[in-house]
Amino acid sequence: MRIFLIGYMGSGKSTLGKRLAKALEIPFVDIDAEIEQTQGKSITAIFQDEGEEHFRRLEEKFLMSLKNFTAKAVYATGGGMPCFYDNLSLLNSLGATVYLKRPTSELLHRLMNSKKERPLTVGKTKEELYEFIEMHLAERELFYEKAKITVPRSKQNVPSLLELIQQFENNQA
């Protein structure tokens, strides 16, 4: 099975994804890192040089490429990937989508302390960032909540995720 972790930037998709993949003994794929590698530049540089629209097309192209093979893996999507084009439907057709839901205050803390530069948050004060996250998350949750599995903060650990995924698989059989 392919598992796609979706959620807002800073929600822990990459960190939890690596742990989940290790527990399942399947590969972990960070889609943003894959795009950076194929493009030879950072996501920030892609946004600056070619714009967000170009980046969103690269995300869509990556997802379309997954239709050609069925290897099991845990994928960490970019925060916006499910919110553009028909990506969420495509993700749902390709595997289990898992929404890592976190409150705005926690996302703010995680983004303020992140080592990773994120194009959409650059240059914002703490107050501006909080308002941005709150507004942006409200827009994106309309998409995130269409995931096959929604995981509240209290269950965002490997044992709980394994249990939720097993329940999902059992219901699909």
N, C-alpha and C. Protein backbone atom coordinates (compact mmCIF):
# COMPACT_ATOMS: atom_id res chain seq x y z
N MET A 1 0.83 -1.19 0.00
CA MET A 1 0.00 0.00 0.00
C MET A 1 0.87 1.25 0.00
N ARG A 2 0.38 2.25 -0.70
CA ARG A 2 1.03 3.56 -0.65
C ARG A 2 0.29 4.41 0.36
N ILE A 3 1.06 5.12 1.17
CA ILE A 3 0.50 5.99 2.20
C ILE A 3 0.98 7.40 1.91
N PHE A 4 0.04 8.33 1.78
CA PHE A 4 0.37 9.73 1.53
C PHE A 4 0.01 10.55 2.75
N LEU A 5 1.02 11.13 3.38
CA LEU A 5 0.80 12.01 4.53
C LEU A 5 0.56 13.41 4.00
N ILE A 6 -0.59 13.98 4.37
CA ILE A 6 -0.91 15.33 3.95
C ILE A 6 -1.16 16.17 5.19
N GLY A 7 -1.07 17.47 5.01
CA GLY A 7 -1.30 18.40 6.11
C GLY A 7 -0.53 19.67 5.87
N TYR A 8 -0.74 20.61 6.76
CA TYR A 8 -0.13 21.93 6.62
C TYR A 8 1.38 21.84 6.79
N MET A 9 2.09 22.81 6.23
CA MET A 9 3.55 22.83 6.40
C MET A 9 3.87 22.87 7.89
N GLY A 10 4.87 22.10 8.27
CA GLY A 10 5.26 22.04 9.67
C GLY A 10 4.44 21.07 10.50
N SER A 11 3.56 20.30 9.86
CA SER A 11 2.71 19.38 10.63
C SER A 11 3.41 18.08 11.01
N GLY A 12 4.59 17.85 10.46
CA GLY A 12 5.35 16.65 10.83
C GLY A 12 5.30 15.53 9.82
N LYS A 13 4.92 15.84 8.59
CA LYS A 13 4.77 14.80 7.56
C LYS A 13 6.09 14.07 7.31
N SER A 14 7.18 14.80 7.17
CA SER A 14 8.47 14.16 6.90
C SER A 14 8.99 13.40 8.10
N THR A 15 8.94 14.01 9.26
CA THR A 15 9.45 13.36 10.47
C THR A 15 8.68 12.08 10.78
N LEU A 16 7.37 12.19 10.83
CA LEU A 16 6.54 11.03 11.12
C LEU A 16 6.58 10.02 9.98
N GLY A 17 6.66 10.51 8.76
CA GLY A 17 6.72 9.64 7.59
C GLY A 17 7.93 8.72 7.62
N LYS A 18 9.08 9.26 7.99
CA LYS A 18 10.30 8.44 8.08
C LYS A 18 10.13 7.34 9.13
N ARG A 19 9.57 7.69 10.26
CA ARG A 19 9.36 6.71 11.33
C ARG A 19 8.35 5.63 10.93
N LEU A 20 7.29 6.06 10.26
CA LEU A 20 6.26 5.13 9.82
C LEU A 20 6.82 4.17 8.77
N ALA A 21 7.56 4.70 7.82
CA ALA A 21 8.16 3.86 6.77
C ALA A 21 9.11 2.84 7.38
N LYS A 22 9.89 3.27 8.35
CA LYS A 22 10.82 2.34 9.02
C LYS A 22 10.05 1.22 9.70
N ALA A 23 8.97 1.55 10.41
CA ALA A 23 8.17 0.55 11.11
C ALA A 23 7.52 -0.42 10.12
N LEU A 24 7.13 0.07 8.96
CA LEU A 24 6.50 -0.77 7.94
C LEU A 24 7.51 -1.47 7.04
N GLU A 25 8.78 -1.07 7.17
CA GLU A 25 9.87 -1.60 6.36
C GLU A 25 9.62 -1.39 4.87
N ILE A 26 9.21 -0.16 4.56
CA ILE A 26 9.03 0.25 3.17
C ILE A 26 9.73 1.59 2.98
N PRO A 27 10.00 2.00 1.74
CA PRO A 27 10.70 3.27 1.52
C PRO A 27 9.89 4.49 1.95
N PHE A 28 10.62 5.54 2.27
CA PHE A 28 10.04 6.86 2.55
C PHE A 28 10.42 7.78 1.40
N VAL A 29 9.46 8.55 0.91
CA VAL A 29 9.71 9.50 -0.18
C VAL A 29 9.18 10.87 0.22
N ASP A 30 10.06 11.85 0.27
CA ASP A 30 9.66 13.24 0.50
C ASP A 30 9.49 13.86 -0.88
N ILE A 31 8.26 14.14 -1.26
CA ILE A 31 7.98 14.61 -2.62
C ILE A 31 8.67 15.94 -2.91
N ASP A 32 8.71 16.85 -1.95
CA ASP A 32 9.43 18.13 -2.16
C ASP A 32 10.90 17.86 -2.45
N ALA A 33 11.53 16.94 -1.71
CA ALA A 33 12.94 16.62 -1.91
C ALA A 33 13.16 16.00 -3.30
N GLU A 34 12.21 15.18 -3.73
CA GLU A 34 12.30 14.58 -5.08
C GLU A 34 12.24 15.66 -6.15
N ILE A 35 11.35 16.62 -5.98
CA ILE A 35 11.23 17.72 -6.94
C ILE A 35 12.50 18.55 -6.93
N GLU A 36 13.03 18.85 -5.75
CA GLU A 36 14.28 19.61 -5.66
C GLU A 36 15.41 18.88 -6.39
N GLN A 37 15.47 17.58 -6.22
CA GLN A 37 16.54 16.80 -6.85
C GLN A 37 16.40 16.81 -8.38
N THR A 38 15.19 16.59 -8.88
CA THR A 38 15.02 16.55 -10.34
C THR A 38 15.21 17.93 -10.97
N GLN A 39 14.87 18.99 -10.23
CA GLN A 39 15.00 20.35 -10.76
C GLN A 39 16.39 20.96 -10.52
N GLY A 40 17.13 20.36 -9.60
CA GLY A 40 18.47 20.87 -9.29
C GLY A 40 18.46 22.18 -8.54
N LYS A 41 17.35 22.46 -7.83
CA LYS A 41 17.27 23.69 -7.03
C LYS A 41 16.23 23.52 -5.94
N SER A 42 16.28 24.40 -4.95
CA SER A 42 15.37 24.32 -3.81
C SER A 42 13.96 24.75 -4.21
N ILE A 43 13.00 24.37 -3.38
CA ILE A 43 11.61 24.79 -3.60
C ILE A 43 11.54 26.32 -3.61
N THR A 44 12.25 26.94 -2.68
CA THR A 44 12.27 28.41 -2.61
C THR A 44 12.77 29.00 -3.93
N ALA A 45 13.84 28.42 -4.48
CA ALA A 45 14.39 28.91 -5.75
C ALA A 45 13.41 28.68 -6.89
N ILE A 46 12.71 27.55 -6.89
CA ILE A 46 11.71 27.29 -7.93
C ILE A 46 10.60 28.35 -7.85
N PHE A 47 10.12 28.64 -6.63
CA PHE A 47 9.09 29.67 -6.45
C PHE A 47 9.60 31.02 -6.97
N GLN A 48 10.85 31.37 -6.62
CA GLN A 48 11.39 32.67 -7.02
C GLN A 48 11.64 32.75 -8.52
N ASP A 49 12.19 31.68 -9.11
CA ASP A 49 12.59 31.71 -10.52
C ASP A 49 11.44 31.46 -11.49
N GLU A 50 10.60 30.47 -11.17
CA GLU A 50 9.53 30.10 -12.10
C GLU A 50 8.12 30.38 -11.59
N GLY A 51 7.99 30.64 -10.30
CA GLY A 51 6.68 30.95 -9.74
C GLY A 51 5.97 29.73 -9.16
N GLU A 52 4.94 30.03 -8.35
CA GLU A 52 4.20 28.96 -7.68
C GLU A 52 3.47 28.07 -8.68
N GLU A 53 2.90 28.65 -9.72
CA GLU A 53 2.17 27.85 -10.72
C GLU A 53 3.05 26.76 -11.31
N HIS A 54 4.29 27.10 -11.65
CA HIS A 54 5.24 26.12 -12.19
C HIS A 54 5.50 25.01 -11.18
N PHE A 55 5.71 25.40 -9.92
CA PHE A 55 5.95 24.40 -8.87
C PHE A 55 4.75 23.47 -8.73
N ARG A 56 3.54 24.01 -8.74
CA ARG A 56 2.33 23.19 -8.60
C ARG A 56 2.21 22.20 -9.76
N ARG A 57 2.63 22.61 -10.93
CA ARG A 57 2.62 21.70 -12.09
C ARG A 57 3.64 20.57 -11.91
N LEU A 58 4.79 20.89 -11.30
CA LEU A 58 5.80 19.86 -11.01
C LEU A 58 5.25 18.84 -10.02
N GLU A 59 4.50 19.31 -9.02
CA GLU A 59 3.87 18.39 -8.06
C GLU A 59 2.89 17.46 -8.77
N GLU A 60 2.07 18.06 -9.61
CA GLU A 60 1.07 17.28 -10.34
C GLU A 60 1.75 16.24 -11.23
N LYS A 61 2.81 16.64 -11.91
CA LYS A 61 3.55 15.74 -12.79
C LYS A 61 4.13 14.57 -11.98
N PHE A 62 4.66 14.85 -10.80
CA PHE A 62 5.19 13.78 -9.95
C PHE A 62 4.09 12.78 -9.61
N LEU A 63 2.93 13.28 -9.20
CA LEU A 63 1.81 12.38 -8.86
C LEU A 63 1.39 11.55 -10.05
N MET A 64 1.32 12.16 -11.20
CA MET A 64 0.92 11.43 -12.41
C MET A 64 1.91 10.29 -12.70
N SER A 65 3.18 10.52 -12.40
CA SER A 65 4.19 9.49 -12.65
C SER A 65 3.98 8.26 -11.75
N LEU A 66 3.32 8.44 -10.62
CA LEU A 66 3.09 7.32 -9.70
C LEU A 66 2.04 6.34 -10.24
N LYS A 67 1.25 6.78 -11.21
CA LYS A 67 0.24 5.90 -11.79
C LYS A 67 0.89 4.71 -12.51
N ASN A 68 2.15 4.87 -12.90
CA ASN A 68 2.83 3.85 -13.71
C ASN A 68 3.45 2.71 -12.91
N PHE A 69 3.47 2.82 -11.60
CA PHE A 69 4.00 1.72 -10.80
C PHE A 69 3.27 1.65 -9.47
N THR A 70 3.40 0.52 -8.80
CA THR A 70 2.61 0.30 -7.58
C THR A 70 3.46 -0.02 -6.36
N ALA A 71 4.70 0.37 -6.36
CA ALA A 71 5.57 0.07 -5.22
C ALA A 71 5.03 0.68 -3.93
N LYS A 72 5.15 -0.09 -2.85
CA LYS A 72 4.73 0.40 -1.54
C LYS A 72 5.72 1.45 -1.05
N ALA A 73 5.20 2.50 -0.43
CA ALA A 73 6.05 3.55 0.15
C ALA A 73 5.18 4.47 0.99
N VAL A 74 5.85 5.22 1.86
CA VAL A 74 5.22 6.30 2.60
C VAL A 74 5.70 7.59 1.96
N TYR A 75 4.77 8.44 1.55
CA TYR A 75 5.09 9.70 0.88
C TYR A 75 4.70 10.87 1.77
N ALA A 76 5.60 11.83 1.90
CA ALA A 76 5.28 13.11 2.54
C ALA A 76 5.03 14.10 1.41
N THR A 77 3.81 14.63 1.36
CA THR A 77 3.48 15.61 0.32
C THR A 77 3.86 17.00 0.81
N GLY A 78 3.95 17.93 -0.11
CA GLY A 78 4.06 19.32 0.28
C GLY A 78 2.71 19.77 0.83
N GLY A 79 2.70 20.79 1.66
CA GLY A 79 1.46 21.24 2.29
C GLY A 79 0.38 21.64 1.32
N GLY A 80 0.75 22.19 0.16
CA GLY A 80 -0.24 22.64 -0.81
C GLY A 80 -0.63 21.61 -1.84
N MET A 81 0.14 20.54 -1.95
CA MET A 81 -0.10 19.56 -3.02
C MET A 81 -1.56 19.11 -3.13
N PRO A 82 -2.23 18.74 -2.03
CA PRO A 82 -3.61 18.26 -2.17
C PRO A 82 -4.61 19.34 -2.58
N CYS A 83 -4.20 20.60 -2.56
CA CYS A 83 -5.12 21.72 -2.74
C CYS A 83 -5.16 22.26 -4.16
N PHE A 84 -4.40 21.67 -5.07
CA PHE A 84 -4.33 22.18 -6.44
C PHE A 84 -4.76 21.12 -7.44
N TYR A 85 -5.35 21.60 -8.54
CA TYR A 85 -5.81 20.76 -9.63
C TYR A 85 -6.71 19.66 -9.07
N ASP A 86 -6.52 18.44 -9.51
CA ASP A 86 -7.32 17.33 -9.01
C ASP A 86 -6.42 16.42 -8.16
N ASN A 87 -5.41 17.02 -7.53
CA ASN A 87 -4.40 16.23 -6.82
C ASN A 87 -4.96 15.39 -5.69
N LEU A 88 -5.92 15.91 -4.94
CA LEU A 88 -6.45 15.13 -3.82
C LEU A 88 -7.16 13.88 -4.32
N SER A 89 -7.95 14.00 -5.35
CA SER A 89 -8.61 12.82 -5.93
C SER A 89 -7.58 11.83 -6.43
N LEU A 90 -6.53 12.34 -7.06
CA LEU A 90 -5.46 11.49 -7.56
C LEU A 90 -4.76 10.78 -6.39
N LEU A 91 -4.43 11.53 -5.34
CA LEU A 91 -3.81 10.93 -4.16
C LEU A 91 -4.70 9.84 -3.58
N ASN A 92 -6.00 10.12 -3.45
CA ASN A 92 -6.94 9.13 -2.90
C ASN A 92 -7.02 7.89 -3.78
N SER A 93 -6.86 8.05 -5.09
CA SER A 93 -6.92 6.89 -5.99
C SER A 93 -5.62 6.07 -5.96
N LEU A 94 -4.53 6.71 -5.57
CA LEU A 94 -3.22 6.05 -5.56
C LEU A 94 -2.91 5.32 -4.26
N GLY A 95 -3.63 5.63 -3.18
CA GLY A 95 -3.33 4.99 -1.90
C GLY A 95 -4.12 5.60 -0.76
N ALA A 96 -3.64 5.38 0.44
CA ALA A 96 -4.30 5.90 1.64
C ALA A 96 -3.77 7.29 1.94
N THR A 97 -4.67 8.26 2.00
CA THR A 97 -4.29 9.62 2.37
C THR A 97 -4.53 9.80 3.86
N VAL A 98 -3.54 10.35 4.54
CA VAL A 98 -3.58 10.50 5.99
C VAL A 98 -3.33 11.97 6.32
N TYR A 99 -4.35 12.63 6.86
CA TYR A 99 -4.25 14.04 7.22
C TYR A 99 -3.74 14.17 8.65
N LEU A 100 -2.57 14.78 8.80
CA LEU A 100 -2.00 15.06 10.12
C LEU A 100 -2.50 16.43 10.57
N LYS A 101 -3.52 16.43 11.40
CA LYS A 101 -4.19 17.65 11.82
C LYS A 101 -3.52 18.22 13.07
N ARG A 102 -3.16 19.49 13.02
CA ARG A 102 -2.54 20.18 14.16
C ARG A 102 -3.16 21.56 14.31
N PRO A 103 -3.19 22.07 15.55
CA PRO A 103 -3.74 23.42 15.78
C PRO A 103 -2.79 24.52 15.29
N THR A 104 -3.37 25.67 14.99
CA THR A 104 -2.61 26.82 14.50
C THR A 104 -1.44 27.18 15.42
N SER A 105 -1.68 27.21 16.73
CA SER A 105 -0.62 27.61 17.67
C SER A 105 0.58 26.67 17.60
N GLU A 106 0.33 25.39 17.42
CA GLU A 106 1.43 24.43 17.33
C GLU A 106 2.16 24.57 15.99
N LEU A 107 1.42 24.79 14.92
CA LEU A 107 2.04 25.00 13.61
C LEU A 107 2.92 26.25 13.65
N LEU A 108 2.44 27.32 14.28
CA LEU A 108 3.22 28.54 14.42
C LEU A 108 4.54 28.25 15.11
N HIS A 109 4.48 27.57 16.24
CA HIS A 109 5.69 27.24 17.00
C HIS A 109 6.66 26.41 16.15
N ARG A 110 6.13 25.41 15.47
CA ARG A 110 6.98 24.53 14.65
C ARG A 110 7.61 25.28 13.49
N LEU A 111 6.84 26.16 12.84
CA LEU A 111 7.37 26.92 11.71
C LEU A 111 8.38 27.98 12.16
N MET A 112 8.12 28.60 13.30
CA MET A 112 9.05 29.62 13.82
C MET A 112 10.41 28.98 14.17
N ASN A 113 10.39 27.70 14.56
CA ASN A 113 11.62 27.02 14.98
C ASN A 113 12.17 26.07 13.94
N SER A 114 11.63 26.12 12.74
CA SER A 114 12.06 25.22 11.67
C SER A 114 13.38 25.66 11.06
N LYS A 115 14.21 24.69 10.73
CA LYS A 115 15.46 24.98 10.03
C LYS A 115 15.23 25.11 8.53
N LYS A 116 14.08 24.58 8.08
CA LYS A 116 13.75 24.56 6.67
C LYS A 116 13.09 25.88 6.26
N GLU A 117 13.60 26.48 5.19
CA GLU A 117 13.00 27.72 4.67
C GLU A 117 11.76 27.37 3.86
N ARG A 118 10.69 28.10 4.10
CA ARG A 118 9.43 27.85 3.41
C ARG A 118 9.01 29.13 2.69
N PRO A 119 8.87 29.05 1.36
CA PRO A 119 8.60 30.26 0.57
C PRO A 119 7.40 31.07 1.02
N LEU A 120 6.36 30.42 1.51
CA LEU A 120 5.14 31.15 1.87
C LEU A 120 5.22 31.86 3.21
N THR A 121 6.26 31.59 4.01
CA THR A 121 6.35 32.20 5.34
C THR A 121 7.49 33.21 5.48
N VAL A 122 8.31 33.35 4.46
CA VAL A 122 9.48 34.22 4.53
C VAL A 122 9.09 35.67 4.82
N GLY A 123 9.80 36.29 5.77
CA GLY A 123 9.63 37.71 6.05
C GLY A 123 8.44 38.09 6.90
N LYS A 124 7.75 37.13 7.47
CA LYS A 124 6.58 37.45 8.30
C LYS A 124 6.97 37.51 9.78
N THR A 125 6.38 38.49 10.50
CA THR A 125 6.56 38.55 11.94
C THR A 125 5.75 37.41 12.57
N LYS A 126 5.94 37.18 13.87
CA LYS A 126 5.21 36.12 14.56
C LYS A 126 3.69 36.34 14.44
N GLU A 127 3.25 37.56 14.62
CA GLU A 127 1.83 37.89 14.55
C GLU A 127 1.29 37.70 13.12
N GLU A 128 2.07 38.18 12.15
CA GLU A 128 1.67 38.02 10.74
C GLU A 128 1.61 36.55 10.36
N LEU A 129 2.59 35.79 10.85
CA LEU A 129 2.63 34.37 10.54
C LEU A 129 1.44 33.63 11.15
N TYR A 130 1.09 33.97 12.40
CA TYR A 130 -0.07 33.34 13.04
C TYR A 130 -1.34 33.61 12.21
N GLU A 131 -1.55 34.87 11.83
CA GLU A 131 -2.73 35.23 11.04
C GLU A 131 -2.72 34.52 9.68
N PHE A 132 -1.54 34.45 9.07
CA PHE A 132 -1.40 33.78 7.78
C PHE A 132 -1.76 32.30 7.90
N ILE A 133 -1.19 31.64 8.92
CA ILE A 133 -1.46 30.21 9.11
C ILE A 133 -2.95 29.98 9.35
N GLU A 134 -3.54 30.78 10.21
CA GLU A 134 -4.95 30.62 10.54
C GLU A 134 -5.83 30.74 9.29
N MET A 135 -5.58 31.74 8.47
CA MET A 135 -6.37 31.96 7.26
C MET A 135 -6.08 30.87 6.22
N HIS A 136 -4.82 30.60 6.00
CA HIS A 136 -4.38 29.64 4.99
C HIS A 136 -4.84 28.22 5.35
N LEU A 137 -4.72 27.87 6.62
CA LEU A 137 -5.14 26.55 7.08
C LEU A 137 -6.65 26.37 6.90
N ALA A 138 -7.42 27.40 7.18
CA ALA A 138 -8.87 27.33 6.99
C ALA A 138 -9.21 27.02 5.53
N GLU A 139 -8.49 27.62 4.60
CA GLU A 139 -8.70 27.37 3.17
C GLU A 139 -8.30 25.94 2.81
N ARG A 140 -7.16 25.51 3.30
CA ARG A 140 -6.62 24.20 2.92
C ARG A 140 -7.33 23.04 3.61
N GLU A 141 -7.89 23.29 4.78
CA GLU A 141 -8.58 22.19 5.48
C GLU A 141 -9.76 21.66 4.68
N LEU A 142 -10.33 22.48 3.82
CA LEU A 142 -11.42 22.01 2.96
C LEU A 142 -10.95 20.82 2.12
N PHE A 143 -9.68 20.82 1.75
CA PHE A 143 -9.09 19.72 0.99
C PHE A 143 -8.58 18.62 1.92
N TYR A 144 -7.81 19.02 2.93
CA TYR A 144 -7.20 18.04 3.85
C TYR A 144 -8.25 17.10 4.44
N GLU A 145 -9.41 17.64 4.77
CA GLU A 145 -10.42 16.83 5.45
C GLU A 145 -11.10 15.82 4.54
N LYS A 146 -10.74 15.82 3.26
CA LYS A 146 -11.22 14.80 2.33
C LYS A 146 -10.28 13.60 2.28
N ALA A 147 -9.26 13.61 3.13
CA ALA A 147 -8.34 12.47 3.22
C ALA A 147 -9.11 11.25 3.72
N LYS A 148 -8.60 10.09 3.42
CA LYS A 148 -9.25 8.85 3.86
C LYS A 148 -9.15 8.66 5.37
N ILE A 149 -8.07 9.17 5.96
CA ILE A 149 -7.85 9.05 7.40
C ILE A 149 -7.45 10.41 7.94
N THR A 150 -8.13 10.89 8.98
CA THR A 150 -7.74 12.13 9.66
C THR A 150 -7.21 11.74 11.02
N VAL A 151 -6.01 12.24 11.33
CA VAL A 151 -5.34 11.86 12.57
C VAL A 151 -5.22 13.10 13.48
N PRO A 152 -5.91 13.09 14.61
CA PRO A 152 -5.77 14.21 15.55
C PRO A 152 -4.38 14.19 16.17
N ARG A 153 -3.98 15.32 16.72
CA ARG A 153 -2.65 15.46 17.31
C ARG A 153 -2.33 14.34 18.30
N SER A 154 -3.30 13.94 19.11
CA SER A 154 -3.07 12.94 20.16
C SER A 154 -2.71 11.56 19.62
N LYS A 155 -2.96 11.31 18.34
CA LYS A 155 -2.67 10.00 17.75
C LYS A 155 -1.54 10.05 16.73
N GLN A 156 -0.80 11.15 16.72
CA GLN A 156 0.29 11.29 15.75
C GLN A 156 1.58 10.68 16.29
N ASN A 157 1.53 9.36 16.38
CA ASN A 157 2.70 8.56 16.76
C ASN A 157 2.62 7.28 15.95
N VAL A 158 3.72 6.58 15.82
CA VAL A 158 3.78 5.41 14.94
C VAL A 158 2.80 4.31 15.35
N PRO A 159 2.74 3.90 16.63
CA PRO A 159 1.78 2.84 16.98
C PRO A 159 0.33 3.19 16.63
N SER A 160 -0.09 4.42 16.92
CA SER A 160 -1.46 4.83 16.60
C SER A 160 -1.69 4.87 15.10
N LEU A 161 -0.71 5.38 14.35
CA LEU A 161 -0.85 5.43 12.90
C LEU A 161 -0.94 4.03 12.31
N LEU A 162 -0.11 3.13 12.79
CA LEU A 162 -0.16 1.75 12.30
C LEU A 162 -1.54 1.15 12.54
N GLU A 163 -2.10 1.41 13.70
CA GLU A 163 -3.43 0.91 14.04
C GLU A 163 -4.50 1.51 13.12
N LEU A 164 -4.45 2.82 12.89
CA LEU A 164 -5.43 3.48 12.03
C LEU A 164 -5.32 2.99 10.58
N ILE A 165 -4.10 2.79 10.12
CA ILE A 165 -3.90 2.31 8.75
C ILE A 165 -4.40 0.86 8.61
N GLN A 166 -4.13 0.05 9.63
CA GLN A 166 -4.62 -1.34 9.62
C GLN A 166 -6.15 -1.36 9.59
N GLN A 167 -6.78 -0.53 10.39
CA GLN A 167 -8.24 -0.44 10.39
C GLN A 167 -8.77 -0.04 9.01
N PHE A 168 -8.08 0.93 8.40
CA PHE A 168 -8.47 1.39 7.07
C PHE A 168 -8.35 0.24 6.06
N GLU A 169 -7.22 -0.47 6.08
CA GLU A 169 -7.02 -1.59 5.16
C GLU A 169 -8.07 -2.67 5.36
N ASN A 170 -8.41 -2.97 6.61
CA ASN A 170 -9.42 -3.99 6.89
C ASN A 170 -10.78 -3.58 6.34
N ASN A 171 -11.09 -2.30 6.42
CA ASN A 171 -12.37 -1.79 5.90
C ASN A 171 -12.42 -1.80 4.37
N GLN A 172 -11.23 -1.76 3.74
CA GLN A 172 -11.16 -1.76 2.27
C GLN A 172 -11.31 -3.17 1.71
N ALA A 173 -11.01 -4.17 2.52
CA ALA A 173 -11.03 -5.58 2.03
C ALA A 173 -12.44 -6.10 1.83
